[in-house]
Amino acid sequence: MSLMPVAPNLFVTEPRLRLLGGRHRSSGRIVFPLPDDAAYERIELPPRGVLWSYTIQRIAPKSPPYRGGAFLPFAVGYVELPGALIVESRLTEVAFERLRVGMPMELTTMNVGDDSVGARQSYAFRPAPAAGTAA
């Protein structure tokens, strides 16, 4: 099975993982995700930012895309991407009690399920390695 974004024009993986946004051709306003609109040019958004705000989702969603089964609480937050905008995202690879506003974050992907086409991927953010350490 192949890995596929959960939605078209959400992110690219080559040559490096980046979210796809749009810059309005006349105003310069940046939006995410990339709209299917000729008024916007495609841009790659910064892969690192800082945690602007967050919460822990402890109650199972009541409607799709949640498909039932065992529910595990998860973190969701807003990550400020420098010079661009703030995006909402799942937060991964971090204990809830370690989350802090201002924490450096980096883009990653996460599996959100399988279908007849293959494994579906969405974007997420995780804590960025400390400066001077391997990424």
C-alpha atoms as a PDB file:
ATOM      1  CA  MET A   1       0.000   0.000   0.000  1.00  0.00           C
ATOM      2  CA  SER A   2       1.158   3.538  -0.688  1.00  0.00           C
ATOM      3  CA  LEU A   3       1.190   6.454   1.763  1.00  0.00           C
ATOM      4  CA  MET A   4      -1.171   9.269   0.816  1.00  0.00           C
ATOM      5  CA  PRO A   5      -2.150  12.606   2.355  1.00  0.00           C
ATOM      6  CA  VAL A   6      -5.648  12.562   3.814  1.00  0.00           C
ATOM      7  CA  ALA A   7      -6.484  15.502   1.509  1.00  0.00           C
ATOM      8  CA  PRO A   8      -4.983  16.793  -1.752  1.00  0.00           C
ATOM      9  CA  ASN A   9      -2.580  19.756  -1.636  1.00  0.00           C
ATOM     10  CA  LEU A  10      -2.074  19.382   2.133  1.00  0.00           C
ATOM     11  CA  PHE A  11       1.652  18.684   2.225  1.00  0.00           C
ATOM     12  CA  VAL A  12       4.608  17.492   0.156  1.00  0.00           C
ATOM     13  CA  THR A  13       7.330  15.081   1.234  1.00  0.00           C
ATOM     14  CA  GLU A  14       9.911  15.684  -1.498  1.00  0.00           C
ATOM     15  CA  PRO A  15      12.472  17.082  -1.386  1.00  0.00           C
ATOM     16  CA  ARG A  16      11.466  17.702   2.260  1.00  0.00           C
ATOM     17  CA  LEU A  17       8.284  17.625   4.310  1.00  0.00           C
ATOM     18  CA  ARG A  18       6.383  20.927   4.042  1.00  0.00           C
ATOM     19  CA  LEU A  19       2.787  22.042   4.457  1.00  0.00           C
ATOM     20  CA  LEU A  20       1.291  23.655   1.354  1.00  0.00           C
ATOM     21  CA  GLY A  21      -0.259  27.057   1.780  1.00  0.00           C
ATOM     22  CA  GLY A  22      -1.444  29.732  -0.575  1.00  0.00           C
ATOM     23  CA  ARG A  23      -0.404  33.369  -0.987  1.00  0.00           C
ATOM     24  CA  HIS A  24      -3.100  35.626  -2.352  1.00  0.00           C
ATOM     25  CA  ARG A  25      -1.721  37.087  -5.573  1.00  0.00           C
ATOM     26  CA  SER A  26      -2.984  40.625  -4.998  1.00  0.00           C
ATOM     27  CA  SER A  27      -3.003  41.041  -1.192  1.00  0.00           C
ATOM     28  CA  GLY A  28      -0.122  38.727  -0.199  1.00  0.00           C
ATOM     29  CA  ARG A  29      -2.279  37.154   2.533  1.00  0.00           C
ATOM     30  CA  ILE A  30      -1.127  33.608   3.396  1.00  0.00           C
ATOM     31  CA  VAL A  31      -3.680  30.857   4.048  1.00  0.00           C
ATOM     32  CA  PHE A  32      -3.595  27.159   4.936  1.00  0.00           C
ATOM     33  CA  PRO A  33      -4.498  24.778   3.476  1.00  0.00           C
ATOM     34  CA  LEU A  34      -3.839  25.659  -0.152  1.00  0.00           C
ATOM     35  CA  PRO A  35      -7.158  26.705  -1.732  1.00  0.00           C
ATOM     36  CA  ASP A  36      -8.230  25.420  -5.131  1.00  0.00           C
ATOM     37  CA  ASP A  37      -8.419  28.984  -6.414  1.00  0.00           C
ATOM     38  CA  ALA A  38      -6.324  30.684  -9.122  1.00  0.00           C
ATOM     39  CA  ALA A  39      -6.171  33.806  -6.928  1.00  0.00           C
ATOM     40  CA  TYR A  40      -3.625  31.972  -4.732  1.00  0.00           C
ATOM     41  CA  GLU A  41      -0.112  30.873  -5.603  1.00  0.00           C
ATOM     42  CA  ARG A  42       1.179  27.686  -3.985  1.00  0.00           C
ATOM     43  CA  ILE A  43       3.833  28.171  -1.301  1.00  0.00           C
ATOM     44  CA  GLU A  44       5.641  25.828   1.061  1.00  0.00           C
ATOM     45  CA  LEU A  45       5.243  26.841   4.699  1.00  0.00           C
ATOM     46  CA  PRO A  46       8.083  26.768   7.259  1.00  0.00           C
ATOM     47  CA  PRO A  47       8.560  23.295   8.814  1.00  0.00           C
ATOM     48  CA  ARG A  48       9.320  24.696  12.292  1.00  0.00           C
ATOM     49  CA  GLY A  49       7.501  27.032  14.603  1.00  0.00           C
ATOM     50  CA  VAL A  50       6.523  27.562  18.228  1.00  0.00           C
ATOM     51  CA  LEU A  51       3.554  26.280  20.180  1.00  0.00           C
ATOM     52  CA  TRP A  52       1.143  29.201  20.490  1.00  0.00           C
ATOM     53  CA  SER A  53      -1.635  27.445  22.453  1.00  0.00           C
ATOM     54  CA  TYR A  54      -2.790  23.877  23.147  1.00  0.00           C
ATOM     55  CA  THR A  55      -5.359  21.653  24.830  1.00  0.00           C
ATOM     56  CA  ILE A  56      -5.852  17.956  25.515  1.00  0.00           C
ATOM     57  CA  GLN A  57      -8.854  16.252  23.862  1.00  0.00           C
ATOM     58  CA  ARG A  58     -10.101  13.787  26.474  1.00  0.00           C
ATOM     59  CA  ILE A  59     -13.594  13.058  25.082  1.00  0.00           C
ATOM     60  CA  ALA A  60     -14.146  10.907  21.983  1.00  0.00           C
ATOM     61  CA  PRO A  61     -15.557  12.799  18.993  1.00  0.00           C
ATOM     62  CA  LYS A  62     -19.210  11.996  18.282  1.00  0.00           C
ATOM     63  CA  SER A  63     -19.088  12.059  14.483  1.00  0.00           C
ATOM     64  CA  PRO A  64     -16.850  11.261  11.479  1.00  0.00           C
ATOM     65  CA  PRO A  65     -13.980  11.226  10.749  1.00  0.00           C
ATOM     66  CA  TYR A  66     -13.693   9.433  14.121  1.00  0.00           C
ATOM     67  CA  ARG A  67     -14.524   5.799  13.417  1.00  0.00           C
ATOM     68  CA  GLY A  68     -15.053   4.491  16.932  1.00  0.00           C
ATOM     69  CA  GLY A  69     -12.952   1.885  18.646  1.00  0.00           C
ATOM     70  CA  ALA A  70     -10.696   2.534  21.598  1.00  0.00           C
ATOM     71  CA  PHE A  71     -10.311   6.262  22.206  1.00  0.00           C
ATOM     72  CA  LEU A  72      -7.047   7.666  23.532  1.00  0.00           C
ATOM     73  CA  PRO A  73      -6.747  11.313  24.616  1.00  0.00           C
ATOM     74  CA  PHE A  74      -4.591  13.445  22.321  1.00  0.00           C
ATOM     75  CA  ALA A  75      -3.043  16.907  22.257  1.00  0.00           C
ATOM     76  CA  VAL A  76      -4.054  19.540  19.735  1.00  0.00           C
ATOM     77  CA  GLY A  77      -2.539  22.979  19.435  1.00  0.00           C
ATOM     78  CA  TYR A  78      -1.865  26.054  17.390  1.00  0.00           C
ATOM     79  CA  VAL A  79       1.675  26.322  16.012  1.00  0.00           C
ATOM     80  CA  GLU A  80       2.947  29.712  14.885  1.00  0.00           C
ATOM     81  CA  LEU A  81       5.008  29.382  11.708  1.00  0.00           C
ATOM     82  CA  PRO A  82       7.424  32.339  11.450  1.00  0.00           C
ATOM     83  CA  GLY A  83       6.618  34.840   8.721  1.00  0.00           C
ATOM     84  CA  ALA A  84       3.529  32.902   7.697  1.00  0.00           C
ATOM     85  CA  LEU A  85       0.556  32.096   9.948  1.00  0.00           C
ATOM     86  CA  ILE A  86      -0.705  29.982  12.842  1.00  0.00           C
ATOM     87  CA  VAL A  87      -1.946  26.455  12.040  1.00  0.00           C
ATOM     88  CA  GLU A  88      -4.044  24.077  14.094  1.00  0.00           C
ATOM     89  CA  SER A  89      -2.493  20.631  14.428  1.00  0.00           C
ATOM     90  CA  ARG A  90      -2.331  17.396  16.345  1.00  0.00           C
ATOM     91  CA  LEU A  91       0.686  17.337  18.646  1.00  0.00           C
ATOM     92  CA  THR A  92       2.643  14.094  18.805  1.00  0.00           C
ATOM     93  CA  GLU A  93       5.640  12.474  20.461  1.00  0.00           C
ATOM     94  CA  VAL A  94       5.332  14.455  23.690  1.00  0.00           C
ATOM     95  CA  ALA A  95       3.910  13.748  27.149  1.00  0.00           C
ATOM     96  CA  PHE A  96       0.996  16.079  27.865  1.00  0.00           C
ATOM     97  CA  GLU A  97       2.694  17.470  30.987  1.00  0.00           C
ATOM     98  CA  ARG A  98       5.740  18.562  28.919  1.00  0.00           C
ATOM     99  CA  LEU A  99       3.717  20.818  26.600  1.00  0.00           C
ATOM    100  CA  ARG A 100       4.465  24.528  27.055  1.00  0.00           C
ATOM    101  CA  VAL A 101       3.456  27.664  25.172  1.00  0.00           C
ATOM    102  CA  GLY A 102       6.552  28.822  23.261  1.00  0.00           C
ATOM    103  CA  MET A 103       7.920  25.272  22.872  1.00  0.00           C
ATOM    104  CA  PRO A 104       9.817  24.851  19.567  1.00  0.00           C
ATOM    105  CA  MET A 105       7.901  22.477  17.254  1.00  0.00           C
ATOM    106  CA  GLU A 106       8.645  20.744  13.952  1.00  0.00           C
ATOM    107  CA  LEU A 107       6.439  19.283  11.246  1.00  0.00           C
ATOM    108  CA  THR A 108       5.922  15.524  10.989  1.00  0.00           C
ATOM    109  CA  THR A 109       3.257  13.162   9.653  1.00  0.00           C
ATOM    110  CA  MET A 110       0.982  10.662  11.338  1.00  0.00           C
ATOM    111  CA  ASN A 111      -1.123   7.753  10.166  1.00  0.00           C
ATOM    112  CA  VAL A 112      -4.841   8.528  10.392  1.00  0.00           C
ATOM    113  CA  GLY A 113      -6.180   5.269   9.010  1.00  0.00           C
ATOM    114  CA  ASP A 114      -6.253   2.919   6.065  1.00  0.00           C
ATOM    115  CA  ASP A 115      -8.717   2.633   3.224  1.00  0.00           C
ATOM    116  CA  SER A 116      -8.888   0.783  -0.071  1.00  0.00           C
ATOM    117  CA  VAL A 117      -6.233   3.097  -1.563  1.00  0.00           C
ATOM    118  CA  GLY A 118      -3.669   2.762   1.231  1.00  0.00           C
ATOM    119  CA  ALA A 119      -2.493   4.274   4.488  1.00  0.00           C
ATOM    120  CA  ARG A 120      -3.707   7.862   4.903  1.00  0.00           C
ATOM    121  CA  GLN A 121      -1.374  10.446   6.406  1.00  0.00           C
ATOM    122  CA  SER A 122      -2.039  13.807   7.994  1.00  0.00           C
ATOM    123  CA  TYR A 123       0.364  16.418   9.268  1.00  0.00           C
ATOM    124  CA  ALA A 124       1.220  16.911  12.923  1.00  0.00           C
ATOM    125  CA  PHE A 125       3.803  18.765  14.976  1.00  0.00           C
ATOM    126  CA  ARG A 126       6.217  17.358  17.539  1.00  0.00           C
ATOM    127  CA  PRO A 127       8.800  18.987  19.801  1.00  0.00           C
ATOM    128  CA  ALA A 128      11.816  20.130  17.804  1.00  0.00           C
ATOM    129  CA  PRO A 129      15.234  18.835  18.885  1.00  0.00           C
ATOM    130  CA  ALA A 130      17.231  21.269  20.984  1.00  0.00           C
ATOM    131  CA  ALA A 131      19.623  23.502  19.059  1.00  0.00           C
ATOM    132  CA  GLY A 132      22.888  21.719  18.337  1.00  0.00           C
ATOM    133  CA  THR A 133      21.394  18.195  18.372  1.00  0.00           C
ATOM    134  CA  ALA A 134      20.688  15.953  15.428  1.00  0.00           C
ATOM    135  CA  ALA A 135      17.243  16.301  13.876  1.00  0.00           C
END
